């Protein structure tokens, strides 16, 4: 089944002269079901770094956080890519969002996997492969009160 969604990437790389090749220092990506989710992802990250930006970049970031986000949601909903870039402390951080189509190979969960659900799935798989760990309550350490 093919489903419509949005793909986001966050790229961090050192600021260098245009003639030099840029090496990516950090890369993060995520998928989203709605344009608002993608923009919130950028908003949260931008709010975390805005205090470390030079005053002019911080002002530009705050302007986007207050006004530019709505245009970004509109553009994504209309099939247009969105890029938000800030520069500071010798780094360039760019968030790139774009519409995407995803081929669902397995059913998509309705939300993030909780720690309990992830562990339960691990145990199910391990039991299927006869690799499940023993229950700590039945070990000799539990009996000895260690």
N, C-alpha and C. Protein backbone atom coordinates (compact mmCIF):
# COMPACT_ATOMS: atom_id res chain seq x y z
N UNK A 1 0.84 -1.17 0.00
CA UNK A 1 0.00 0.00 0.00
C UNK A 1 0.89 1.25 0.00
N UNK A 2 0.59 2.17 -0.86
CA UNK A 2 1.33 3.43 -0.95
C UNK A 2 0.53 4.50 -0.23
N UNK A 3 1.21 5.25 0.62
CA UNK A 3 0.54 6.29 1.38
C UNK A 3 1.30 7.61 1.25
N UNK A 4 0.56 8.70 1.27
CA UNK A 4 1.16 10.04 1.17
C UNK A 4 1.66 10.46 2.54
N UNK A 5 2.80 11.09 2.58
CA UNK A 5 3.36 11.59 3.83
C UNK A 5 4.38 12.66 3.55
N UNK A 6 5.26 12.88 4.51
CA UNK A 6 6.26 13.94 4.40
C UNK A 6 7.57 13.42 4.96
N UNK A 7 8.67 13.81 4.33
CA UNK A 7 9.99 13.37 4.72
C UNK A 7 10.77 14.59 5.18
N UNK A 8 11.43 14.48 6.32
CA UNK A 8 12.22 15.58 6.85
C UNK A 8 13.65 15.15 7.08
N UNK A 9 14.57 16.05 6.80
CA UNK A 9 15.99 15.82 7.04
C UNK A 9 16.56 17.04 7.75
N UNK A 10 17.45 16.78 8.70
CA UNK A 10 18.18 17.85 9.36
C UNK A 10 19.66 17.61 9.08
N UNK A 11 20.29 18.55 8.43
CA UNK A 11 21.70 18.45 8.07
C UNK A 11 22.49 19.52 8.82
N UNK A 12 23.58 19.12 9.43
CA UNK A 12 24.46 20.06 10.10
C UNK A 12 25.84 19.90 9.50
N UNK A 13 26.42 21.02 9.08
CA UNK A 13 27.76 20.95 8.50
C UNK A 13 28.52 22.23 8.82
N UNK A 14 29.84 22.16 8.83
CA UNK A 14 30.65 23.35 9.13
C UNK A 14 30.51 24.40 8.03
N UNK A 15 30.49 25.65 8.47
CA UNK A 15 30.45 26.74 7.50
C UNK A 15 31.84 26.87 6.90
N UNK A 16 31.90 26.86 5.59
CA UNK A 16 33.19 26.95 4.91
C UNK A 16 33.02 27.76 3.64
N UNK A 17 34.12 28.22 3.06
CA UNK A 17 34.02 28.95 1.79
C UNK A 17 33.29 28.11 0.74
N UNK A 18 32.61 28.77 -0.15
CA UNK A 18 31.81 28.08 -1.17
C UNK A 18 32.65 27.15 -2.03
N UNK A 19 33.94 27.45 -2.18
CA UNK A 19 34.78 26.62 -3.04
C UNK A 19 35.13 25.28 -2.40
N UNK A 20 35.01 25.19 -1.05
CA UNK A 20 35.36 23.94 -0.38
C UNK A 20 34.18 22.97 -0.38
N UNK A 21 34.53 21.70 -0.39
CA UNK A 21 33.50 20.67 -0.31
C UNK A 21 33.00 20.60 1.13
N UNK A 22 31.70 20.53 1.32
CA UNK A 22 31.14 20.49 2.66
C UNK A 22 30.91 19.06 3.10
N UNK A 23 31.44 18.73 4.25
CA UNK A 23 31.22 17.41 4.85
C UNK A 23 30.08 17.53 5.86
N UNK A 24 29.13 16.63 5.78
CA UNK A 24 28.02 16.65 6.72
C UNK A 24 28.52 16.17 8.08
N UNK A 25 28.28 16.99 9.10
CA UNK A 25 28.72 16.64 10.44
C UNK A 25 27.66 15.83 11.17
N UNK A 26 26.40 16.06 10.84
CA UNK A 26 25.32 15.37 11.54
C UNK A 26 24.12 15.26 10.60
N UNK A 27 23.44 14.14 10.64
CA UNK A 27 22.28 13.91 9.77
C UNK A 27 21.17 13.22 10.56
N UNK A 28 19.99 13.77 10.51
CA UNK A 28 18.81 13.15 11.12
C UNK A 28 17.69 13.18 10.09
N UNK A 29 16.84 12.16 10.13
CA UNK A 29 15.70 12.16 9.23
C UNK A 29 14.49 11.58 9.95
N UNK A 30 13.33 11.90 9.43
CA UNK A 30 12.09 11.41 10.04
C UNK A 30 10.99 11.45 8.99
N UNK A 31 9.96 10.65 9.21
CA UNK A 31 8.79 10.67 8.32
C UNK A 31 7.58 11.13 9.12
N UNK A 32 6.64 11.74 8.41
CA UNK A 32 5.47 12.32 9.05
C UNK A 32 4.24 12.03 8.22
N UNK A 33 3.09 11.99 8.87
CA UNK A 33 1.83 11.77 8.16
C UNK A 33 1.17 13.05 7.72
N UNK A 34 1.47 14.16 8.41
CA UNK A 34 0.81 15.43 8.10
C UNK A 34 1.85 16.55 8.03
N UNK A 35 1.58 17.59 7.25
CA UNK A 35 2.53 18.69 7.14
C UNK A 35 2.74 19.39 8.49
N UNK A 36 1.71 19.46 9.31
CA UNK A 36 1.87 20.11 10.61
C UNK A 36 2.85 19.34 11.49
N UNK A 37 2.84 18.02 11.42
CA UNK A 37 3.79 17.22 12.20
C UNK A 37 5.22 17.51 11.77
N UNK A 38 5.43 17.63 10.47
CA UNK A 38 6.78 17.91 9.94
C UNK A 38 7.27 19.28 10.41
N UNK A 39 6.39 20.27 10.36
CA UNK A 39 6.76 21.62 10.77
C UNK A 39 7.01 21.68 12.29
N UNK A 40 6.23 20.95 13.06
CA UNK A 40 6.46 20.91 14.52
C UNK A 40 7.83 20.33 14.81
N UNK A 41 8.25 19.32 14.05
CA UNK A 41 9.57 18.72 14.21
C UNK A 41 10.66 19.79 14.05
N UNK A 42 10.52 20.64 13.04
CA UNK A 42 11.48 21.72 12.81
C UNK A 42 11.38 22.75 13.94
N UNK A 43 10.15 23.11 14.32
CA UNK A 43 9.96 24.11 15.38
C UNK A 43 10.65 23.69 16.68
N UNK A 44 10.48 22.44 17.07
CA UNK A 44 11.07 21.95 18.33
C UNK A 44 12.59 22.05 18.25
N UNK A 45 13.17 21.59 17.16
CA UNK A 45 14.63 21.62 17.01
C UNK A 45 15.15 23.05 16.95
N UNK A 46 14.45 23.91 16.21
CA UNK A 46 14.89 25.30 16.07
C UNK A 46 14.83 26.02 17.41
N UNK A 47 13.80 25.76 18.20
CA UNK A 47 13.70 26.37 19.53
C UNK A 47 14.85 25.92 20.44
N UNK A 48 15.35 24.71 20.23
CA UNK A 48 16.46 24.23 21.06
C UNK A 48 17.77 24.93 20.72
N UNK A 49 17.96 25.37 19.49
CA UNK A 49 19.23 25.98 19.10
C UNK A 49 19.20 27.50 19.02
N UNK A 50 18.02 28.10 19.07
CA UNK A 50 17.90 29.53 18.81
C UNK A 50 18.69 30.36 19.83
N UNK A 51 18.79 29.93 21.06
CA UNK A 51 19.52 30.72 22.06
C UNK A 51 21.03 30.74 21.80
N UNK A 52 21.53 29.81 21.03
CA UNK A 52 22.97 29.76 20.72
C UNK A 52 23.31 30.51 19.43
N UNK A 53 22.32 31.07 18.77
CA UNK A 53 22.55 31.76 17.50
C UNK A 53 22.96 33.20 17.72
N UNK A 54 23.70 33.78 16.77
CA UNK A 54 24.00 35.22 16.84
C UNK A 54 22.68 36.01 16.77
N UNK A 55 22.66 37.23 17.29
CA UNK A 55 21.41 38.00 17.37
C UNK A 55 20.62 38.11 16.06
N UNK A 56 21.31 38.37 14.94
CA UNK A 56 20.58 38.52 13.67
C UNK A 56 19.95 37.19 13.23
N UNK A 57 20.66 36.08 13.43
CA UNK A 57 20.11 34.77 13.08
C UNK A 57 18.99 34.38 14.03
N UNK A 58 19.14 34.72 15.31
CA UNK A 58 18.09 34.42 16.29
C UNK A 58 16.81 35.18 15.93
N UNK A 59 16.97 36.43 15.52
CA UNK A 59 15.80 37.22 15.13
C UNK A 59 15.10 36.59 13.91
N UNK A 60 15.91 36.16 12.95
CA UNK A 60 15.35 35.50 11.76
C UNK A 60 14.64 34.20 12.14
N UNK A 61 15.23 33.45 13.06
CA UNK A 61 14.62 32.19 13.51
C UNK A 61 13.31 32.47 14.23
N UNK A 62 13.29 33.48 15.11
CA UNK A 62 12.05 33.81 15.83
C UNK A 62 10.96 34.27 14.87
N UNK A 63 11.35 34.99 13.83
CA UNK A 63 10.36 35.42 12.83
C UNK A 63 9.75 34.21 12.14
N UNK A 64 10.58 33.22 11.80
CA UNK A 64 10.04 32.01 11.17
C UNK A 64 9.14 31.26 12.15
N UNK A 65 9.57 31.18 13.42
CA UNK A 65 8.76 30.47 14.42
C UNK A 65 7.41 31.14 14.62
N UNK A 66 7.36 32.47 14.50
CA UNK A 66 6.10 33.19 14.71
C UNK A 66 5.24 33.24 13.46
N UNK A 67 5.86 33.42 12.29
CA UNK A 67 5.08 33.64 11.06
C UNK A 67 5.36 32.63 9.95
N UNK A 68 6.61 32.28 9.75
CA UNK A 68 7.00 31.45 8.61
C UNK A 68 6.48 30.03 8.67
N UNK A 69 6.21 29.54 9.87
CA UNK A 69 5.74 28.16 9.99
C UNK A 69 4.42 27.94 9.25
N UNK A 70 3.57 28.93 9.23
CA UNK A 70 2.25 28.76 8.57
C UNK A 70 2.41 28.64 7.07
N UNK A 71 3.33 29.43 6.50
CA UNK A 71 3.61 29.30 5.07
C UNK A 71 4.21 27.93 4.78
N UNK A 72 5.06 27.44 5.68
CA UNK A 72 5.67 26.12 5.49
C UNK A 72 4.61 25.02 5.47
N UNK A 73 3.65 25.09 6.39
CA UNK A 73 2.56 24.10 6.40
C UNK A 73 1.77 24.19 5.10
N UNK A 74 1.47 25.41 4.67
CA UNK A 74 0.72 25.61 3.43
C UNK A 74 1.48 25.07 2.23
N UNK A 75 2.78 25.38 2.14
CA UNK A 75 3.58 24.91 1.02
C UNK A 75 3.66 23.39 0.98
N UNK A 76 3.90 22.76 2.13
CA UNK A 76 3.96 21.29 2.18
C UNK A 76 2.63 20.67 1.75
N UNK A 77 1.55 21.22 2.26
CA UNK A 77 0.22 20.70 1.91
C UNK A 77 -0.06 20.82 0.42
N UNK A 78 0.58 21.80 -0.22
CA UNK A 78 0.40 22.01 -1.66
C UNK A 78 1.50 21.35 -2.49
N UNK A 79 2.27 20.45 -1.87
CA UNK A 79 3.26 19.68 -2.61
C UNK A 79 4.60 20.35 -2.82
N UNK A 80 4.85 21.46 -2.15
CA UNK A 80 6.11 22.18 -2.31
C UNK A 80 7.08 21.83 -1.18
N UNK A 81 8.38 21.69 -1.48
CA UNK A 81 9.36 21.45 -0.43
C UNK A 81 9.62 22.73 0.38
N UNK A 82 10.11 22.54 1.59
CA UNK A 82 10.39 23.66 2.50
C UNK A 82 11.78 23.45 3.08
N UNK A 83 12.57 24.53 3.14
CA UNK A 83 13.89 24.48 3.77
C UNK A 83 14.01 25.63 4.75
N UNK A 84 14.47 25.32 5.95
CA UNK A 84 14.74 26.32 6.98
C UNK A 84 16.21 26.17 7.33
N UNK A 85 16.96 27.28 7.24
CA UNK A 85 18.40 27.23 7.48
C UNK A 85 18.80 28.31 8.47
N UNK A 86 19.69 27.94 9.41
CA UNK A 86 20.27 28.91 10.33
C UNK A 86 21.78 28.70 10.35
N UNK A 87 22.50 29.79 10.67
CA UNK A 87 23.95 29.74 10.72
C UNK A 87 24.42 30.34 12.03
N UNK A 88 25.34 29.66 12.68
CA UNK A 88 25.90 30.21 13.91
C UNK A 88 26.97 29.31 14.47
N UNK A 89 27.92 29.91 15.18
CA UNK A 89 29.02 29.19 15.81
C UNK A 89 29.78 28.29 14.84
N UNK A 90 29.94 28.76 13.62
CA UNK A 90 30.71 28.01 12.64
C UNK A 90 29.97 26.86 11.99
N UNK A 91 28.66 26.76 12.24
CA UNK A 91 27.87 25.67 11.68
C UNK A 91 26.69 26.19 10.87
N UNK A 92 26.27 25.39 9.94
CA UNK A 92 25.02 25.63 9.21
C UNK A 92 24.11 24.46 9.53
N UNK A 93 22.88 24.78 9.94
CA UNK A 93 21.88 23.74 10.20
C UNK A 93 20.74 23.98 9.23
N UNK A 94 20.39 22.94 8.48
CA UNK A 94 19.32 23.05 7.49
C UNK A 94 18.30 21.94 7.71
N UNK A 95 17.05 22.34 7.83
CA UNK A 95 15.95 21.37 7.90
C UNK A 95 15.26 21.39 6.55
N UNK A 96 15.17 20.25 5.92
CA UNK A 96 14.56 20.14 4.60
C UNK A 96 13.34 19.22 4.72
N UNK A 97 12.19 19.72 4.33
CA UNK A 97 10.95 18.96 4.37
C UNK A 97 10.40 18.85 2.96
N UNK A 98 9.82 17.71 2.63
CA UNK A 98 9.22 17.56 1.31
C UNK A 98 8.13 16.49 1.35
N UNK A 99 7.16 16.63 0.47
CA UNK A 99 6.14 15.59 0.35
C UNK A 99 6.78 14.30 -0.15
N UNK A 100 6.26 13.17 0.28
CA UNK A 100 6.82 11.89 -0.14
C UNK A 100 5.71 10.84 -0.18
N UNK A 101 5.98 9.80 -0.93
CA UNK A 101 5.09 8.65 -0.93
C UNK A 101 5.84 7.49 -0.31
N UNK A 102 5.16 6.80 0.60
CA UNK A 102 5.78 5.70 1.31
C UNK A 102 5.11 4.39 0.95
N UNK A 103 5.91 3.39 0.73
CA UNK A 103 5.41 2.05 0.49
C UNK A 103 5.42 1.33 1.84
N UNK A 104 4.24 1.04 2.34
CA UNK A 104 4.13 0.37 3.64
C UNK A 104 4.29 -1.13 3.45
N UNK A 105 5.38 -1.65 3.97
CA UNK A 105 5.66 -3.07 3.87
C UNK A 105 5.03 -3.80 5.06
N UNK A 106 5.05 -3.15 6.22
CA UNK A 106 4.40 -3.68 7.42
C UNK A 106 3.45 -2.60 7.92
N UNK A 107 2.45 -2.99 8.67
CA UNK A 107 1.51 -1.98 9.18
C UNK A 107 2.24 -0.93 10.00
N UNK A 108 1.86 0.32 9.79
CA UNK A 108 2.46 1.44 10.50
C UNK A 108 1.75 1.59 11.83
N UNK A 109 2.51 1.74 12.92
CA UNK A 109 1.90 1.93 14.22
C UNK A 109 1.25 3.30 14.27
N UNK A 110 0.30 3.48 15.18
CA UNK A 110 -0.40 4.75 15.28
C UNK A 110 0.42 5.80 15.99
N UNK A 111 1.51 5.41 16.61
CA UNK A 111 2.35 6.35 17.33
C UNK A 111 3.72 5.75 17.55
N UNK A 112 4.54 6.46 18.28
CA UNK A 112 5.87 5.93 18.53
C UNK A 112 5.80 4.67 19.38
N UNK A 113 6.75 3.81 19.16
CA UNK A 113 6.82 2.56 19.91
C UNK A 113 7.25 2.87 21.34
N UNK A 114 6.46 2.43 22.29
CA UNK A 114 6.82 2.67 23.68
C UNK A 114 7.88 1.67 24.08
N UNK A 115 8.56 1.95 25.17
CA UNK A 115 9.60 1.05 25.63
C UNK A 115 9.03 -0.32 25.95
N UNK A 116 7.85 -0.36 26.57
CA UNK A 116 7.21 -1.63 26.90
C UNK A 116 6.84 -2.42 25.65
N UNK A 117 6.28 -1.75 24.66
CA UNK A 117 5.89 -2.43 23.43
C UNK A 117 7.11 -2.95 22.68
N UNK A 118 8.19 -2.17 22.67
CA UNK A 118 9.40 -2.59 22.00
C UNK A 118 9.98 -3.83 22.69
N UNK A 119 9.99 -3.80 24.02
CA UNK A 119 10.51 -4.96 24.76
C UNK A 119 9.62 -6.18 24.53
N UNK A 120 8.30 -5.99 24.54
CA UNK A 120 7.38 -7.11 24.29
C UNK A 120 7.63 -7.73 22.93
N UNK A 121 7.85 -6.89 21.91
CA UNK A 121 8.13 -7.42 20.57
C UNK A 121 9.46 -8.19 20.55
N UNK A 122 10.46 -7.64 21.26
CA UNK A 122 11.74 -8.32 21.33
C UNK A 122 11.57 -9.70 21.96
N UNK A 123 10.84 -9.76 23.06
CA UNK A 123 10.64 -11.03 23.75
C UNK A 123 9.90 -12.02 22.86
N UNK A 124 8.87 -11.54 22.13
CA UNK A 124 8.14 -12.42 21.22
C UNK A 124 9.08 -13.00 20.16
N UNK A 125 9.90 -12.13 19.57
CA UNK A 125 10.83 -12.60 18.55
C UNK A 125 11.86 -13.56 19.14
N UNK A 126 12.35 -13.22 20.32
CA UNK A 126 13.35 -14.08 20.96
C UNK A 126 12.76 -15.44 21.30
N UNK A 127 11.52 -15.46 21.77
CA UNK A 127 10.89 -16.73 22.10
C UNK A 127 10.69 -17.56 20.84
N UNK A 128 10.33 -16.91 19.77
CA UNK A 128 10.18 -17.62 18.50
C UNK A 128 11.49 -18.25 18.06
N UNK A 129 12.59 -17.63 18.41
CA UNK A 129 13.91 -18.14 18.02
C UNK A 129 14.58 -18.89 19.16
N UNK A 130 13.84 -19.13 20.24
CA UNK A 130 14.38 -19.81 21.42
C UNK A 130 15.59 -19.08 21.99
N UNK A 131 15.55 -17.74 21.95
CA UNK A 131 16.66 -16.96 22.47
C UNK A 131 16.25 -16.10 23.67
N UNK A 132 15.06 -16.33 24.19
CA UNK A 132 14.57 -15.48 25.28
C UNK A 132 15.44 -15.63 26.52
N UNK A 133 15.68 -14.50 27.17
CA UNK A 133 16.45 -14.54 28.40
C UNK A 133 15.59 -15.12 29.51
N UNK A 134 16.23 -15.64 30.54
CA UNK A 134 15.47 -16.18 31.66
C UNK A 134 14.87 -15.04 32.46
N UNK A 135 13.78 -15.31 33.12
CA UNK A 135 13.11 -14.33 33.96
C UNK A 135 13.99 -14.04 35.16
N UNK A 136 14.30 -12.77 35.43
CA UNK A 136 15.19 -12.44 36.54
C UNK A 136 14.66 -12.91 37.89
N UNK A 137 13.36 -13.04 38.04
CA UNK A 137 12.79 -13.44 39.32
C UNK A 137 13.04 -14.91 39.62
N UNK A 138 13.43 -15.69 38.60
CA UNK A 138 13.69 -17.12 38.82
C UNK A 138 15.18 -17.42 38.87
N UNK A 139 16.02 -16.41 38.75
CA UNK A 139 17.46 -16.66 38.76
C UNK A 139 17.96 -16.89 40.19
N UNK A 140 19.16 -17.42 40.31
CA UNK A 140 19.74 -17.70 41.63
C UNK A 140 20.02 -16.42 42.39
N UNK A 141 20.26 -15.29 41.65
CA UNK A 141 20.51 -14.01 42.33
C UNK A 141 19.25 -13.53 43.04
N UNK A 142 18.07 -13.75 42.45
CA UNK A 142 16.83 -13.32 43.07
C UNK A 142 16.57 -14.11 44.35
N UNK A 143 16.88 -15.41 44.33
CA UNK A 143 16.66 -16.24 45.49
C UNK A 143 17.58 -15.85 46.63
N UNK A 144 18.80 -15.45 46.31
CA UNK A 144 19.78 -15.09 47.33
C UNK A 144 19.59 -13.68 47.83
N UNK A 145 18.66 -12.94 47.18
CA UNK A 145 18.41 -11.57 47.58
C UNK A 145 19.48 -10.60 47.14
N UNK A 146 20.22 -10.96 46.08
CA UNK A 146 21.31 -10.10 45.59
C UNK A 146 20.75 -9.12 44.60
